Amino acid sequence: MNARDPQLPLQADEAVALGDFARRRWDEAIVPALTDYIAIPAKSPMFDADWAANGFIERVVRDAASWVESRKVPGLTLEVVRLPGRTPVIFFEIETSSGRRAAPRPDAPPRGGDAEGVLGANLKPGSTDTVVMYGHLDKQPEFSGWRNDLGPWTPKYQNGLLYGRGGADDGYAVYAAITAVESLKAQGLAHPRIVGLIETCEESGSHDLPPYLDALRTRLGNVSLVVCLDSGAGNYDQLWLTTSLRGMVSGVLKVEILTEGVHSGDSSGVVPSSFRILRNVLDRLEDSTTGRLLPEFFHCEIPADRAEQVKAAAAILGEQAWKTFPWACGADGMASLPTTTDPVQALLNRHWRPTLSVTGVDGFPEMKSAGNVLRPWTAFKLSLRLPPLVDGHQASVKLKTLLEDNAPYNAKVTFHPDGRAGALGANGWNAPTLAPWLESALNTASVAQFGAPVAYIGQGGTIPLMSLLQQGFPAAQMMVCGVLGPKSNAHGPNEFLHVPYAQRLTAAVAQVIAAHP
C-alpha cells in the first residue's frame, strides 16, 4: 500500500478491502471453527449443573483461545482467567497500533480521565483509551421442534446459513472481533488499544461476570468504546445499532396443596387444584386477556427520543415487525392472531413494555402416563422481561412478595428467583447519547458495507454487561450490534447464523474502530 497522510479519512478502496478481507476470513477460517463449536453442547450453568465436570464449556473456551492465538495477531496477548467456583473468561489484549488513522473529530473526548465509578476507580487520568469487545461462548439448551435434517449439536451450512445452537448467539463474536482487528492491520490502518472480554455465563444471567470485572478493572484501561456483538438486527440489509435492552427476572413459581397425589374423582371439588391456584396467583401479575402486566412498578415511561427511533424503525420494517415470527396459523401470521399488527406498537411491546412468559413446567406426568390423579403440586418457570429503566433486583423482590403473600386456600406458594443474593434480577439498559464521531462512523460504515444507512432499534433480550459497563464507565460510547436478524430464532429450534450479514458486520465493526478518535 502506498504511504498516505495518517490524518486522511478512510478511503473507499480501503473500506472495500476491509469487506473483502472479512469475507475471505469467514469462508476460510470462521465457518469451520464455528462448525466445530456448534457440535459441542456447552450449555450455560443454569442448564448444566455439572458444567465443570462435563467439560464442554472448558472445551469451547480452549478451542476459541487456541484459534485466537493461532492468528498470531501482532501485539496480542491472551489469558483464560479463572476465579474459584466460577465459569472462565477469555481476556485478550491488543496493543495500540500506529498507522494511517482518520483525523480526530472536533467533538472527540479528551484522552484519559473519563473512566469513573466502580470499574474505573483505580485508573489514573491519561490511561490509554481502550475499545472493549464483548461476546460469550455458553449456550441455551436444546429445545424441541428442530427440522428433521437439523439439530442443536449437528451443524449444517446451507445457502449462507449456518444452523445449530450458539453460532449466532454468541459463539461467532470472538472470531469476528479478532478478524475485524486483522483486517485493519492488513490495510495498515491504526487502531486504539483493544481488549476482548468473552464470558461463559451470559445465558445464566452473567452472575459470574461482576467478580471478573472487579478483578480485571485495572487491566481494562480507560474504556472509551464498547463493541458488544451479542445483539440483533431488524433486517439483513443494513447495520442495526441496538439502543436499548430489556431487563429480566426469572425463577420458579411453585404451588403445593397435597403431600401426595390422590384420586381425582374422590377429591376434586374438595381439594383445590394446584394448577387453578397457580392461575389465580398469576392473575395478580398479568391480565390474561391482553397480556399487560398489572402492577405499575414493572412499567416505565418511554423516553421521547426512543419513541421517535421506534417510529423510524417501524417505517423500515413495516409488517415484518410482527410477521417475522413462525406463526402456527400460516407462513407469516394472520391479522387476527398477533397482540397487535401496528408496527410501532409491536416494537414498543417487544422492547419497552414488560411481558411474562412461562418457559417451563413441572409436576405434570407425560400424557401417556396421565391417570385420573389430582396432582399434589404444580411449578412454572417464569421469565419476566422488564423495560430498560426498571431495576431488576427491586423488581425481583416485589415479584416474590406479590406472588407469595396471602396464598389462596392457605396453599404453600413459593417463588425462587434465579441469581445470587444481592443480584436476583438482571437490569436492562438504555444507550447513552451517541457522540457525533460515532454516529457518523456508524452511518459511513453501514453505507460502505451494506449500501444502506445505519438504523436504530431496541432489543427485547438482556445483556447484563452493558448496564455494568455503563455504570463503571459513564463516558464510554456503546456499539451494540449482532447477527440475530429475522427468523434466526436464537434459543429456539432451527437457530441459524446469517453468514453474509456476519461478514459485512465484521467489516463494519473494523471500519468504526478505524474512525475511533
Protein backbone atom coordinates (compact mmCIF):
# COMPACT_ATOMS: atom_id res chain seq x y z
CA MET A 1 0.00 0.00 0.00
CA ASN A 2 1.28 3.47 -0.84
CA ALA A 3 2.04 5.71 2.12
CA ARG A 4 -0.74 8.17 2.91
CA ASP A 5 -1.22 11.09 5.25
CA PRO A 6 -2.23 9.43 8.57
CA GLN A 7 -4.94 12.07 9.13
CA LEU A 8 -6.92 11.40 5.96
CA PRO A 9 -10.41 9.86 6.26
CA LEU A 10 -10.81 6.20 5.36
CA GLN A 11 -10.73 5.79 1.59
CA ALA A 12 -13.43 3.97 -0.40
CA ASP A 13 -10.99 1.34 -1.65
CA GLU A 14 -9.89 0.66 1.92
CA ALA A 15 -13.50 0.14 3.02
CA VAL A 16 -13.93 -2.33 0.16
CA ALA A 17 -10.72 -4.08 1.18
CA LEU A 18 -12.00 -4.45 4.76
CA GLY A 19 -15.12 -6.15 3.41
CA ASP A 20 -13.13 -8.45 1.12
CA PHE A 21 -10.84 -9.47 3.97
CA ALA A 22 -13.76 -10.25 6.27
CA ARG A 23 -15.48 -12.39 3.64
CA ARG A 24 -12.35 -14.42 2.97
CA ARG A 25 -11.60 -14.96 6.63
CA TRP A 26 -15.16 -16.05 7.36
CA ASP A 27 -15.14 -18.56 4.49
CA GLU A 28 -11.67 -19.92 5.19
CA ALA A 29 -11.44 -19.91 8.98
CA ILE A 30 -14.50 -18.78 10.91
CA VAL A 31 -17.19 -21.02 9.40
CA PRO A 32 -15.07 -24.15 10.01
CA ALA A 33 -14.33 -23.04 13.60
CA LEU A 34 -17.99 -22.33 14.31
CA THR A 35 -18.99 -25.66 12.79
CA ASP A 36 -16.84 -27.37 15.41
CA TYR A 37 -18.17 -25.06 18.12
CA ILE A 38 -21.83 -25.79 17.36
CA ALA A 39 -21.22 -29.53 17.78
CA ILE A 40 -20.24 -29.03 21.45
CA PRO A 41 -23.17 -28.88 23.93
CA ALA A 42 -21.61 -26.11 26.02
CA LYS A 43 -24.78 -25.29 27.90
CA SER A 44 -24.77 -22.43 30.38
CA PRO A 45 -24.53 -23.40 34.08
CA MET A 46 -28.25 -22.76 34.64
CA PHE A 47 -28.94 -25.63 32.25
CA ASP A 48 -25.98 -27.87 33.14
CA ALA A 49 -25.33 -28.01 36.87
CA ASP A 50 -22.34 -30.30 36.23
CA TRP A 51 -20.77 -27.97 33.65
CA ALA A 52 -17.34 -28.13 35.26
CA ALA A 53 -17.25 -31.95 35.36
CA ASN A 54 -18.75 -32.32 31.88
CA GLY A 55 -16.03 -30.14 30.40
CA PHE A 56 -17.97 -28.70 27.46
CA ILE A 57 -17.53 -25.06 28.47
CA GLU A 58 -13.85 -25.73 29.06
CA ARG A 59 -13.57 -27.21 25.58
CA VAL A 60 -15.14 -24.27 23.72
CA VAL A 61 -13.02 -21.85 25.74
CA ARG A 62 -9.82 -23.71 24.89
CA ASP A 63 -10.82 -24.03 21.21
CA ALA A 64 -11.57 -20.32 20.92
CA ALA A 65 -8.39 -19.34 22.75
CA SER A 66 -6.30 -21.63 20.53
CA TRP A 67 -7.92 -20.16 17.41
CA VAL A 68 -7.18 -16.61 18.54
CA GLU A 69 -3.57 -17.42 19.34
CA SER A 70 -3.15 -19.20 16.01
CA ARG A 71 -3.90 -15.95 14.16
CA LYS A 72 -0.62 -14.53 15.55
CA VAL A 73 -2.02 -11.00 15.61
CA PRO A 74 0.85 -8.57 16.31
CA GLY A 75 0.66 -7.13 19.80
CA LEU A 76 -1.91 -9.66 21.06
CA THR A 77 -1.73 -11.43 24.39
CA LEU A 78 -4.42 -13.80 25.70
CA GLU A 79 -5.25 -15.33 29.05
CA VAL A 80 -8.01 -17.63 30.24
CA VAL A 81 -8.90 -16.08 33.60
CA ARG A 82 -10.39 -18.33 36.28
CA LEU A 83 -11.93 -17.46 39.61
CA PRO A 84 -12.72 -20.30 42.05
CA GLY A 85 -16.16 -21.80 41.52
CA ARG A 86 -16.97 -19.60 38.52
CA THR A 87 -17.11 -20.10 34.78
CA PRO A 88 -13.94 -19.00 32.94
CA VAL A 89 -13.43 -15.81 30.95
CA ILE A 90 -11.19 -15.23 27.92
CA PHE A 91 -9.32 -11.95 28.26
CA PHE A 92 -7.20 -10.76 25.36
CA GLU A 93 -5.36 -7.50 24.80
CA ILE A 94 -4.09 -5.98 21.54
CA GLU A 95 -1.65 -3.11 21.78
CA THR A 96 -2.36 0.25 20.20
CA SER A 97 -1.35 0.17 16.55
CA SER A 98 0.29 3.01 14.69
CA GLY A 99 -0.58 3.51 11.06
CA ARG A 100 -2.94 5.57 8.99
CA ARG A 101 -5.79 6.93 11.09
CA ALA A 102 -8.77 9.08 10.28
CA ALA A 103 -8.45 12.64 11.54
CA PRO A 104 -9.73 13.24 15.11
CA ARG A 105 -13.11 14.94 15.15
CA PRO A 106 -13.51 18.26 16.97
CA ASP A 107 -16.06 16.57 19.25
CA ALA A 108 -13.63 13.86 20.34
CA PRO A 109 -13.44 13.46 24.14
CA PRO A 110 -10.18 14.33 25.90
CA ARG A 111 -7.70 11.50 26.17
CA GLY A 112 -7.97 9.82 29.55
CA GLY A 113 -9.71 10.85 32.71
CA ASP A 114 -13.26 9.82 31.71
CA ALA A 115 -13.37 6.44 33.47
CA GLU A 116 -15.29 6.82 36.70
CA GLY A 117 -17.31 4.72 39.10
CA VAL A 118 -16.69 1.25 40.45
CA LEU A 119 -14.92 -0.27 37.47
CA GLY A 120 -12.67 2.69 36.81
CA ALA A 121 -11.94 3.66 40.39
CA ASN A 122 -8.26 2.72 40.27
CA LEU A 123 -7.49 4.30 36.89
CA LYS A 124 -5.43 7.47 36.62
CA PRO A 125 -6.00 10.35 34.17
CA GLY A 126 -4.11 9.73 30.99
CA SER A 127 -4.79 5.98 30.87
CA THR A 128 -4.78 4.63 27.35
CA ASP A 129 -8.13 4.74 25.59
CA THR A 130 -9.48 1.22 25.21
CA VAL A 131 -12.05 -0.45 23.00
CA VAL A 132 -13.70 -3.38 24.80
CA MET A 133 -15.05 -6.15 22.54
CA TYR A 134 -17.56 -8.48 24.21
CA GLY A 135 -19.14 -11.84 23.46
CA HIS A 136 -19.95 -15.14 25.16
CA LEU A 137 -19.48 -18.86 24.47
CA ASP A 138 -22.09 -20.53 26.70
CA LYS A 139 -25.33 -21.73 25.11
CA GLN A 140 -29.03 -22.19 25.67
CA PRO A 141 -30.35 -25.79 25.99
CA GLU A 142 -31.53 -27.92 23.07
CA PHE A 143 -35.27 -27.16 22.95
CA SER A 144 -37.56 -29.23 20.69
CA GLY A 145 -39.03 -28.81 17.22
CA TRP A 146 -35.89 -28.85 15.10
CA ARG A 147 -36.29 -29.68 11.41
CA ASN A 148 -35.70 -33.34 10.63
CA ASP A 149 -32.38 -32.56 8.95
CA LEU A 150 -31.19 -30.23 11.73
CA GLY A 151 -30.36 -30.41 15.41
CA PRO A 152 -28.84 -28.23 18.12
CA TRP A 153 -25.48 -30.05 18.07
CA THR A 154 -25.44 -31.08 14.38
CA PRO A 155 -24.17 -28.06 12.44
CA LYS A 156 -25.28 -27.61 8.87
CA TYR A 157 -24.19 -24.91 6.41
CA GLN A 158 -26.79 -24.31 3.72
CA ASN A 159 -27.42 -21.34 1.42
CA GLY A 160 -25.35 -18.97 3.51
CA LEU A 161 -27.00 -20.01 6.79
CA LEU A 162 -25.07 -21.90 9.47
CA TYR A 163 -27.60 -23.85 11.56
CA GLY A 164 -27.11 -25.05 15.12
CA ARG A 165 -27.17 -23.87 18.70
CA GLY A 166 -24.97 -20.97 19.67
CA GLY A 167 -23.31 -19.99 16.41
CA ALA A 168 -25.25 -16.73 16.21
CA ASP A 169 -25.82 -16.42 19.98
CA ASP A 170 -22.99 -15.78 20.50
CA GLY A 171 -20.14 -18.05 19.54
CA TYR A 172 -19.19 -16.06 16.47
CA ALA A 173 -18.29 -12.94 18.48
CA VAL A 174 -14.72 -13.76 19.47
CA TYR A 175 -13.90 -14.89 15.93
CA ALA A 176 -15.43 -11.79 14.35
CA ALA A 177 -13.70 -9.48 16.82
CA ILE A 178 -10.25 -10.85 16.02
CA THR A 179 -10.99 -10.78 12.29
CA ALA A 180 -12.01 -7.12 12.48
CA VAL A 181 -8.63 -6.28 14.01
CA GLU A 182 -6.78 -8.44 11.47
CA SER A 183 -8.49 -6.62 8.63
CA LEU A 184 -7.33 -3.26 9.99
CA LYS A 185 -3.76 -4.44 10.27
CA ALA A 186 -3.87 -5.91 6.75
CA GLN A 187 -4.74 -2.44 5.40
CA GLY A 188 -2.18 -0.63 7.52
CA LEU A 189 -4.88 1.17 9.47
CA ALA A 190 -4.28 2.30 13.02
CA HIS A 191 -6.44 1.28 15.94
CA PRO A 192 -6.56 2.05 19.66
CA ARG A 193 -5.80 -0.45 22.39
CA ILE A 194 -8.35 -3.29 22.21
CA VAL A 195 -9.42 -5.62 24.99
CA GLY A 196 -11.56 -8.71 24.48
CA LEU A 197 -13.88 -9.99 27.20
CA ILE A 198 -15.52 -13.33 26.35
CA GLU A 199 -17.59 -14.84 29.17
CA THR A 200 -19.29 -18.22 29.63
CA CYS A 201 -22.22 -17.39 31.93
CA GLU A 202 -24.31 -14.96 29.88
CA GLU A 203 -27.22 -17.31 29.26
CA SER A 204 -27.46 -17.79 33.03
CA GLY A 205 -27.75 -14.06 33.67
CA SER A 206 -24.00 -13.29 33.79
CA HIS A 207 -23.93 -13.79 37.57
CA ASP A 208 -20.24 -14.73 37.33
CA LEU A 209 -19.30 -11.58 35.41
CA PRO A 210 -19.22 -8.86 38.14
CA PRO A 211 -16.41 -10.59 40.09
CA TYR A 212 -14.37 -10.78 36.88
CA LEU A 213 -14.97 -7.12 36.09
CA ASP A 214 -13.81 -6.27 39.58
CA ALA A 215 -10.72 -8.47 39.25
CA LEU A 216 -9.86 -7.10 35.78
CA ARG A 217 -10.78 -3.44 36.25
CA THR A 218 -7.20 -2.14 36.28
CA ARG A 219 -6.45 -4.13 33.11
CA LEU A 220 -9.43 -2.84 31.19
CA GLY A 221 -7.91 0.60 30.84
CA ASN A 222 -9.78 3.78 30.07
CA VAL A 223 -12.80 2.34 28.27
CA SER A 224 -13.92 4.81 25.60
CA LEU A 225 -15.89 2.42 23.35
CA VAL A 226 -17.64 -0.89 23.99
CA VAL A 227 -18.37 -3.13 21.00
CA CYS A 228 -20.91 -5.77 22.03
CA LEU A 229 -21.61 -8.43 19.39
CA ASP A 230 -24.45 -10.22 21.20
CA SER A 231 -27.47 -8.39 19.84
CA GLY A 232 -29.80 -8.41 16.83
CA ALA A 233 -30.80 -6.78 13.58
CA GLY A 234 -34.14 -5.68 12.17
CA ASN A 235 -33.23 -6.99 8.71
CA TYR A 236 -30.16 -8.18 6.85
CA ASP A 237 -29.93 -5.11 4.62
CA GLN A 238 -28.11 -2.59 6.83
CA LEU A 239 -26.20 -2.11 10.05
CA TRP A 240 -28.52 -2.01 13.08
CA LEU A 241 -27.43 -0.34 16.29
CA THR A 242 -29.12 -1.52 19.47
CA THR A 243 -30.38 1.41 21.52
CA SER A 244 -31.90 -0.43 24.49
CA LEU A 245 -32.18 -3.84 26.12
CA ARG A 246 -34.84 -5.16 28.45
CA GLY A 247 -34.01 -6.48 31.88
CA MET A 248 -35.28 -9.78 33.24
CA VAL A 249 -36.48 -11.58 36.34
CA SER A 250 -36.70 -15.35 36.04
CA GLY A 251 -37.45 -18.04 38.58
CA VAL A 252 -39.67 -20.92 39.64
CA LEU A 253 -43.20 -20.39 40.99
CA LYS A 254 -44.44 -23.46 42.84
CA VAL A 255 -47.84 -24.21 44.40
CA GLU A 256 -48.16 -27.17 46.80
CA ILE A 257 -51.56 -28.33 48.13
CA LEU A 258 -51.09 -32.04 48.99
CA THR A 259 -48.28 -34.26 50.20
CA GLU A 260 -49.10 -36.86 47.52
CA GLY A 261 -51.42 -37.32 44.55
CA VAL A 262 -54.97 -38.53 45.18
CA HIS A 263 -57.86 -39.94 43.10
CA SER A 264 -59.31 -37.01 41.17
CA GLY A 265 -62.84 -38.34 41.28
CA ASP A 266 -62.76 -38.77 45.04
CA SER A 267 -61.02 -35.49 45.88
CA SER A 268 -61.89 -32.87 43.29
CA GLY A 269 -64.44 -30.37 44.50
CA VAL A 270 -62.95 -30.54 47.98
CA VAL A 271 -59.22 -30.30 47.29
CA PRO A 272 -58.45 -27.28 45.06
CA SER A 273 -56.29 -27.90 42.01
CA SER A 274 -52.74 -26.64 42.43
CA PHE A 275 -52.92 -25.52 38.81
CA ARG A 276 -56.01 -23.40 39.49
CA ILE A 277 -54.32 -21.78 42.47
CA LEU A 278 -51.29 -21.03 40.35
CA ARG A 279 -53.52 -19.43 37.69
CA ASN A 280 -55.15 -17.34 40.39
CA VAL A 281 -51.79 -16.16 41.70
CA LEU A 282 -50.66 -15.20 38.19
CA ASP A 283 -53.83 -13.14 37.77
CA ARG A 284 -52.29 -10.73 40.27
CA LEU A 285 -49.45 -10.17 37.83
CA GLU A 286 -50.92 -10.36 34.33
CA ASP A 287 -54.15 -9.60 32.51
CA SER A 288 -54.56 -12.95 30.76
CA THR A 289 -56.75 -11.39 28.05
CA THR A 290 -54.33 -8.69 26.90
CA GLY A 291 -51.01 -9.83 28.38
CA ARG A 292 -50.50 -6.47 30.10
CA LEU A 293 -48.56 -6.59 33.36
CA LEU A 294 -50.86 -5.12 36.03
CA PRO A 295 -48.52 -3.66 38.71
CA GLU A 296 -47.31 -0.25 37.59
CA PHE A 297 -43.87 -0.74 39.18
CA PHE A 298 -42.99 -3.10 36.31
CA HIS A 299 -43.54 -0.30 33.77
CA CYS A 300 -41.54 2.82 32.93
CA GLU A 301 -42.00 5.96 30.88
CA ILE A 302 -40.64 5.59 27.35
CA PRO A 303 -38.11 8.36 26.58
CA ALA A 304 -39.15 10.67 23.74
CA ASP A 305 -36.03 10.01 21.66
CA ARG A 306 -36.55 6.25 21.87
CA ALA A 307 -40.19 6.64 20.84
CA GLU A 308 -39.07 8.54 17.73
CA GLN A 309 -36.48 5.86 16.90
CA VAL A 310 -39.17 3.20 17.24
CA LYS A 311 -41.29 5.05 14.69
CA ALA A 312 -38.35 5.22 12.29
CA ALA A 313 -37.59 1.50 12.70
CA ALA A 314 -41.27 0.66 12.22
CA ALA A 315 -41.26 2.62 8.96
CA ILE A 316 -38.35 0.48 7.72
CA LEU A 317 -39.70 -2.88 8.89
CA GLY A 318 -43.45 -2.44 8.36
CA GLU A 319 -45.36 -5.66 8.93
CA GLN A 320 -42.09 -7.55 9.41
CA ALA A 321 -42.11 -6.13 12.94
CA TRP A 322 -44.57 -8.94 13.76
CA LYS A 323 -44.57 -11.19 10.69
CA THR A 324 -41.03 -12.37 11.38
CA PHE A 325 -42.23 -14.98 13.88
CA PRO A 326 -43.17 -18.57 12.92
CA TRP A 327 -46.94 -18.32 13.42
CA ALA A 328 -48.73 -21.66 13.54
CA CYS A 329 -51.71 -20.25 11.63
CA GLY A 330 -49.75 -19.65 8.44
CA ALA A 331 -46.43 -18.77 6.89
CA ASP A 332 -46.31 -15.24 8.30
CA GLY A 333 -49.26 -14.95 10.63
CA MET A 334 -52.74 -13.55 10.28
CA ALA A 335 -54.10 -10.15 11.21
CA SER A 336 -56.34 -11.70 13.87
CA LEU A 337 -53.55 -13.55 15.71
CA PRO A 338 -50.84 -11.11 16.95
CA THR A 339 -51.39 -8.93 20.00
CA THR A 340 -51.04 -6.00 17.58
CA THR A 341 -50.45 -5.52 13.86
CA ASP A 342 -49.32 -1.90 14.31
CA PRO A 343 -45.55 -1.99 13.69
CA VAL A 344 -44.91 0.82 16.17
CA GLN A 345 -46.85 -0.88 18.95
CA ALA A 346 -45.28 -4.24 18.11
CA LEU A 347 -41.79 -2.79 18.56
CA LEU A 348 -42.77 -0.99 21.76
CA ASN A 349 -44.21 -4.25 23.12
CA ARG A 350 -41.01 -6.11 22.24
CA HIS A 351 -38.57 -3.53 23.58
CA TRP A 352 -40.12 -1.14 26.12
CA ARG A 353 -43.01 -2.93 27.84
CA PRO A 354 -42.89 -5.71 30.45
CA THR A 355 -44.11 -9.16 29.45
CA LEU A 356 -44.49 -12.53 31.13
CA SER A 357 -43.63 -15.89 29.57
CA VAL A 358 -43.91 -19.38 31.05
CA THR A 359 -40.85 -21.20 29.74
CA GLY A 360 -41.11 -24.49 31.63
CA VAL A 361 -43.46 -26.58 33.75
CA ASP A 362 -43.03 -29.33 36.31
CA GLY A 363 -45.32 -31.54 38.37
CA PHE A 364 -47.11 -32.91 35.31
CA PRO A 365 -46.80 -36.52 34.13
CA GLU A 366 -46.39 -37.24 30.43
CA MET A 367 -49.68 -37.61 28.57
CA LYS A 368 -49.22 -41.36 28.20
CA SER A 369 -48.88 -41.69 31.98
CA ALA A 370 -51.56 -39.18 32.99
CA GLY A 371 -54.10 -41.13 35.05
CA ASN A 372 -57.08 -39.75 36.97
CA VAL A 373 -54.99 -38.23 39.75
CA LEU A 374 -55.26 -34.82 41.34
CA ARG A 375 -51.61 -33.77 41.41
CA PRO A 376 -50.06 -32.54 44.68
CA TRP A 377 -48.17 -29.59 43.20
CA THR A 378 -47.56 -27.50 40.08
CA ALA A 379 -44.47 -25.45 39.20
CA PHE A 380 -43.92 -22.94 36.39
CA LYS A 381 -40.63 -21.42 35.24
CA LEU A 382 -41.37 -17.71 34.77
CA SER A 383 -39.50 -15.29 32.53
CA LEU A 384 -40.49 -11.68 33.17
CA ARG A 385 -38.96 -9.20 30.75
CA LEU A 386 -38.60 -5.71 32.18
CA PRO A 387 -38.40 -2.31 30.46
CA PRO A 388 -34.85 -0.94 30.17
CA LEU A 389 -35.25 1.59 33.02
CA VAL A 390 -36.73 -0.76 35.67
CA ASP A 391 -34.33 -2.04 38.34
CA GLY A 392 -34.06 -5.82 38.02
CA HIS A 393 -33.28 -6.62 41.65
CA GLN A 394 -36.08 -4.47 43.03
CA ALA A 395 -38.49 -5.98 40.52
CA SER A 396 -37.47 -9.46 41.68
CA VAL A 397 -38.12 -8.59 45.34
CA LYS A 398 -41.52 -7.08 44.53
CA LEU A 399 -42.49 -10.01 42.32
CA LYS A 400 -41.71 -12.50 45.09
CA THR A 401 -43.89 -10.58 47.54
CA LEU A 402 -46.71 -10.23 45.03
CA LEU A 403 -46.83 -13.95 44.27
CA GLU A 404 -46.32 -15.38 47.76
CA ASP A 405 -48.43 -13.16 50.03
CA ASN A 406 -51.96 -14.21 51.06
CA ALA A 407 -51.97 -17.52 49.19
CA PRO A 408 -55.43 -18.83 48.18
CA TYR A 409 -56.63 -21.75 50.39
CA ASN A 410 -53.52 -21.22 52.50
CA ALA A 411 -51.61 -23.24 49.92
CA LYS A 412 -47.83 -23.29 50.04
CA VAL A 413 -46.81 -20.79 47.34
CA THR A 414 -43.12 -20.07 46.76
CA PHE A 415 -41.24 -18.08 44.15
CA HIS A 416 -37.49 -18.69 43.92
CA PRO A 417 -35.86 -16.12 41.61
CA ASP A 418 -32.74 -17.03 39.68
CA GLY A 419 -29.48 -15.34 40.50
CA ARG A 420 -27.44 -14.80 43.63
CA ALA A 421 -28.06 -12.81 46.78
CA GLY A 422 -27.98 -9.10 46.07
CA ALA A 423 -28.49 -9.55 42.32
CA LEU A 424 -31.68 -11.55 41.79
CA GLY A 425 -32.70 -9.81 38.58
CA ALA A 426 -30.86 -8.50 35.54
CA ASN A 427 -31.02 -4.80 34.75
CA GLY A 428 -31.95 -3.54 31.34
CA TRP A 429 -30.02 -0.85 29.51
CA ASN A 430 -30.70 2.40 27.70
CA ALA A 431 -27.82 3.54 25.49
CA PRO A 432 -26.07 6.84 26.15
CA THR A 433 -26.37 9.62 23.58
CA LEU A 434 -24.18 8.91 20.57
CA ALA A 435 -21.12 11.08 20.15
CA PRO A 436 -21.13 12.78 16.73
CA TRP A 437 -17.99 10.89 15.67
CA LEU A 438 -19.59 7.52 16.39
CA GLU A 439 -22.90 8.41 14.78
CA SER A 440 -21.04 9.49 11.64
CA ALA A 441 -18.78 6.41 11.69
CA LEU A 442 -21.71 4.00 12.05
CA ASN A 443 -23.56 5.51 9.13
CA THR A 444 -20.45 5.65 6.94
CA ALA A 445 -19.67 2.00 7.72
CA SER A 446 -23.23 0.88 7.04
CA VAL A 447 -23.31 2.64 3.66
CA ALA A 448 -19.87 1.28 2.74
CA GLN A 449 -20.51 -2.34 3.77
CA PHE A 450 -24.28 -2.70 3.21
CA GLY A 451 -25.20 0.06 0.79
CA ALA A 452 -27.81 1.46 3.19
CA PRO A 453 -27.73 3.83 6.18
CA VAL A 454 -27.49 2.69 9.78
CA ALA A 455 -30.78 2.01 11.56
CA TYR A 456 -31.64 2.06 15.26
CA ILE A 457 -33.67 -0.49 17.20
CA GLY A 458 -34.26 -1.73 20.74
CA GLN A 459 -33.99 -5.38 21.68
CA GLY A 460 -36.17 -7.46 23.97
CA GLY A 461 -33.29 -9.58 25.23
CA THR A 462 -30.94 -8.91 28.14
CA ILE A 463 -27.16 -8.39 28.25
CA PRO A 464 -26.25 -7.64 31.88
CA LEU A 465 -22.72 -6.48 30.95
CA MET A 466 -24.00 -3.34 29.24
CA SER A 467 -25.55 -1.90 32.37
CA LEU A 468 -22.48 -2.83 34.41
CA LEU A 469 -20.07 -1.18 31.98
CA GLN A 470 -22.18 1.94 31.60
CA GLN A 471 -22.21 2.36 35.38
CA GLY A 472 -18.45 1.88 35.58
CA PHE A 473 -17.56 3.97 32.53
CA PRO A 474 -20.32 6.55 32.09
CA ALA A 475 -18.37 8.44 29.41
CA ALA A 476 -17.86 5.36 27.20
CA GLN A 477 -19.65 5.06 23.89
CA MET A 478 -21.53 1.85 23.10
CA MET A 479 -21.74 -0.01 19.79
CA VAL A 480 -24.15 -2.86 20.48
CA CYS A 481 -24.98 -4.95 17.44
CA GLY A 482 -25.27 -8.55 16.30
CA VAL A 483 -26.43 -11.10 13.75
CA LEU A 484 -29.75 -12.16 15.29
CA GLY A 485 -31.98 -11.00 12.46
CA PRO A 486 -35.36 -12.19 11.19
CA LYS A 487 -36.11 -15.89 11.77
CA SER A 488 -32.62 -16.60 13.20
CA ASN A 489 -34.51 -17.95 16.23
CA ALA A 490 -31.93 -17.80 19.00
CA HIS A 491 -32.84 -20.05 21.96
CA GLY A 492 -35.38 -21.95 19.85
CA PRO A 493 -35.27 -24.67 17.18
CA ASN A 494 -33.53 -24.14 13.84
CA GLU A 495 -31.30 -21.33 15.11
CA PHE A 496 -29.04 -20.03 12.34
CA LEU A 497 -26.27 -17.54 11.72
CA HIS A 498 -26.68 -15.47 8.55
CA VAL A 499 -23.09 -15.64 7.31
CA PRO A 500 -23.27 -12.88 4.62
CA TYR A 501 -24.62 -10.46 7.23
CA ALA A 502 -21.94 -11.50 9.73
CA GLN A 503 -19.25 -10.87 7.12
CA ARG A 504 -20.50 -7.33 6.47
CA LEU A 505 -20.95 -6.68 10.18
CA THR A 506 -17.35 -7.70 10.85
CA ALA A 507 -16.10 -5.22 8.25
CA ALA A 508 -18.39 -2.50 9.62
CA VAL A 509 -17.01 -3.02 13.14
CA ALA A 510 -13.48 -2.70 11.76
CA GLN A 511 -14.40 0.50 9.96
CA VAL A 512 -15.89 2.05 13.10
CA ILE A 513 -12.80 1.16 15.13
CA ALA A 514 -10.65 2.78 12.44
CA ALA A 515 -12.63 6.00 12.95
CA HIS A 516 -12.09 6.00 16.74
CA PRO A 517 -10.79 9.49 17.52
